[in-house]
Amino acid sequence: PPTIVTLQELLSYPTMQDLEAGSQAKPWGEARLPYLIMLKKGALILEPWDPMIDQEFEIEENELKGKVLPVAEPFSRLWLDEGVWRPVGH
C-alpha cells in the first residue's frame, strides 16, 4: 500500500533511534503513489522510487520473464504474471 515514506527510504536508518532522529528533521512532502501499467497479459507496477516513474518508456512484455529478480534483491517494479506478482529489474 502507498505510504508517505517507502521501505527503501527506511533502509537508510539502521536503528529506531536513528529513524526517530531523522524523522524530526525531514520534511516529508506529498505522498508518492505507485503507478499501474496494464499490459496485454498482466500488469506492471512502478513503485515511487523507480528511476523511470516520471518518464515515458516502452515495456517489452516478452522480456519481463528474463528480468525477474532473485529473492531479497531490491526492486522498484512488480510484474503480474499469471496471477503472481514478481519483482523485475529494468
C-alpha atoms as a PDB file:
ATOM      1  CA  PRO A   1       0.000   0.000   0.000  1.00  0.00           C
ATOM      2  CA  PRO A   2       1.209   3.543  -0.629  1.00  0.00           C
ATOM      3  CA  THR A   3       2.787   5.297   2.324  1.00  0.00           C
ATOM      4  CA  ILE A   4       4.378   8.667   2.976  1.00  0.00           C
ATOM      5  CA  VAL A   5       7.796   7.038   3.066  1.00  0.00           C
ATOM      6  CA  THR A   6       8.852   3.938   1.226  1.00  0.00           C
ATOM      7  CA  LEU A   7      10.528   0.906   2.697  1.00  0.00           C
ATOM      8  CA  GLN A   8      13.546   1.720   0.529  1.00  0.00           C
ATOM      9  CA  GLU A   9      13.959   5.056   2.311  1.00  0.00           C
ATOM     10  CA  LEU A  10      13.654   3.410   5.728  1.00  0.00           C
ATOM     11  CA  LEU A  11      16.640   1.178   4.935  1.00  0.00           C
ATOM     12  CA  SER A  12      18.935   4.161   5.497  1.00  0.00           C
ATOM     13  CA  TYR A  13      18.059   4.125   9.234  1.00  0.00           C
ATOM     14  CA  PRO A  14      19.802   1.175  10.935  1.00  0.00           C
ATOM     15  CA  THR A  15      18.122   1.659  14.340  1.00  0.00           C
ATOM     16  CA  MET A  16      14.861   3.063  15.731  1.00  0.00           C
ATOM     17  CA  GLN A  17      16.817   5.860  17.407  1.00  0.00           C
ATOM     18  CA  ASP A  18      18.267   6.865  14.013  1.00  0.00           C
ATOM     19  CA  LEU A  19      14.783   6.800  12.483  1.00  0.00           C
ATOM     20  CA  GLU A  20      13.303   8.926  15.268  1.00  0.00           C
ATOM     21  CA  ALA A  21      16.099  11.495  14.970  1.00  0.00           C
ATOM     22  CA  GLY A  22      15.873  11.566  11.184  1.00  0.00           C
ATOM     23  CA  SER A  23      12.077  11.878  11.134  1.00  0.00           C
ATOM     24  CA  GLN A  24      12.138  15.053  13.236  1.00  0.00           C
ATOM     25  CA  ALA A  25      14.424  16.856  10.803  1.00  0.00           C
ATOM     26  CA  LYS A  26      12.976  15.603   7.495  1.00  0.00           C
ATOM     27  CA  PRO A  27      10.256  17.452   5.582  1.00  0.00           C
ATOM     28  CA  TRP A  28       8.044  14.595   4.338  1.00  0.00           C
ATOM     29  CA  GLY A  29       6.228  16.363   1.496  1.00  0.00           C
ATOM     30  CA  GLU A  30       3.393  14.864  -0.526  1.00  0.00           C
ATOM     31  CA  ALA A  31       2.636  11.155  -0.513  1.00  0.00           C
ATOM     32  CA  ARG A  32       4.055   9.353  -3.553  1.00  0.00           C
ATOM     33  CA  LEU A  33       1.899   6.686  -5.137  1.00  0.00           C
ATOM     34  CA  PRO A  34       2.775   3.657  -7.270  1.00  0.00           C
ATOM     35  CA  TYR A  35       1.866   3.732 -10.962  1.00  0.00           C
ATOM     36  CA  LEU A  36      -0.071   0.834 -12.523  1.00  0.00           C
ATOM     37  CA  ILE A  37       0.507  -0.016 -16.191  1.00  0.00           C
ATOM     38  CA  MET A  38      -1.900  -2.501 -17.758  1.00  0.00           C
ATOM     39  CA  LEU A  39      -0.236  -4.944 -20.178  1.00  0.00           C
ATOM     40  CA  LYS A  40      -1.720  -7.333 -22.739  1.00  0.00           C
ATOM     41  CA  LYS A  41      -1.044 -10.173 -20.303  1.00  0.00           C
ATOM     42  CA  GLY A  42      -0.972  -8.892 -16.746  1.00  0.00           C
ATOM     43  CA  ALA A  43       0.210  -5.572 -15.368  1.00  0.00           C
ATOM     44  CA  LEU A  44       3.290  -3.743 -14.125  1.00  0.00           C
ATOM     45  CA  ILE A  45       3.519  -1.564 -11.025  1.00  0.00           C
ATOM     46  CA  LEU A  46       6.203   1.114 -10.861  1.00  0.00           C
ATOM     47  CA  GLU A  47       6.981   1.927  -7.253  1.00  0.00           C
ATOM     48  CA  PRO A  48       7.524   5.579  -6.297  1.00  0.00           C
ATOM     49  CA  TRP A  49      11.308   5.102  -6.064  1.00  0.00           C
ATOM     50  CA  ASP A  50      11.619   3.718  -9.619  1.00  0.00           C
ATOM     51  CA  PRO A  51      14.042   5.924 -11.593  1.00  0.00           C
ATOM     52  CA  MET A  52      11.641   5.998 -14.572  1.00  0.00           C
ATOM     53  CA  ILE A  53       8.439   6.833 -12.648  1.00  0.00           C
ATOM     54  CA  ASP A  54       8.168  10.323 -14.209  1.00  0.00           C
ATOM     55  CA  GLN A  55       9.374   9.385 -17.704  1.00  0.00           C
ATOM     56  CA  GLU A  56       7.803   7.776 -20.730  1.00  0.00           C
ATOM     57  CA  PHE A  57       9.302   4.466 -21.813  1.00  0.00           C
ATOM     58  CA  GLU A  58       8.310   1.296 -23.653  1.00  0.00           C
ATOM     59  CA  ILE A  59       7.797  -2.007 -21.878  1.00  0.00           C
ATOM     60  CA  GLU A  60       8.786  -5.131 -23.763  1.00  0.00           C
ATOM     61  CA  GLU A  61       6.407  -7.690 -22.263  1.00  0.00           C
ATOM     62  CA  ASN A  62       8.250 -10.610 -23.824  1.00  0.00           C
ATOM     63  CA  GLU A  63      11.451  -9.590 -21.954  1.00  0.00           C
ATOM     64  CA  LEU A  64       9.928  -9.404 -18.453  1.00  0.00           C
ATOM     65  CA  LYS A  65      10.331 -13.121 -17.711  1.00  0.00           C
ATOM     66  CA  GLY A  66      14.108 -12.716 -18.143  1.00  0.00           C
ATOM     67  CA  LYS A  67      14.159  -9.724 -15.778  1.00  0.00           C
ATOM     68  CA  VAL A  68      12.626 -11.446 -12.721  1.00  0.00           C
ATOM     69  CA  LEU A  69      14.847 -10.696  -9.716  1.00  0.00           C
ATOM     70  CA  PRO A  70      16.043 -13.185  -7.097  1.00  0.00           C
ATOM     71  CA  VAL A  71      14.662 -13.181  -3.554  1.00  0.00           C
ATOM     72  CA  ALA A  72      15.856 -10.259  -1.383  1.00  0.00           C
ATOM     73  CA  GLU A  73      17.110  -8.231  -4.371  1.00  0.00           C
ATOM     74  CA  PRO A  74      15.994  -4.555  -4.181  1.00  0.00           C
ATOM     75  CA  PHE A  75      13.282  -3.763  -6.727  1.00  0.00           C
ATOM     76  CA  SER A  76      11.094  -0.933  -7.927  1.00  0.00           C
ATOM     77  CA  ARG A  77       8.848  -2.830 -10.368  1.00  0.00           C
ATOM     78  CA  LEU A  78       6.318  -5.605  -9.826  1.00  0.00           C
ATOM     79  CA  TRP A  79       5.019  -7.653 -12.747  1.00  0.00           C
ATOM     80  CA  LEU A  80       1.726  -9.543 -12.597  1.00  0.00           C
ATOM     81  CA  ASP A  81       2.496 -12.851 -14.326  1.00  0.00           C
ATOM     82  CA  GLU A  82      -0.328 -15.419 -14.430  1.00  0.00           C
ATOM     83  CA  GLY A  83      -1.743 -14.254 -11.091  1.00  0.00           C
ATOM     84  CA  VAL A  84       1.624 -13.915  -9.291  1.00  0.00           C
ATOM     85  CA  TRP A  85       3.350 -10.583  -8.599  1.00  0.00           C
ATOM     86  CA  ARG A  86       7.075 -10.912  -9.402  1.00  0.00           C
ATOM     87  CA  PRO A  87       9.800  -8.289  -8.803  1.00  0.00           C
ATOM     88  CA  VAL A  88      11.535  -7.370 -12.057  1.00  0.00           C
ATOM     89  CA  GLY A  89      14.566  -5.286 -12.963  1.00  0.00           C
ATOM     90  CA  HIS A  90      14.754  -2.505 -15.523  1.00  0.00           C
END
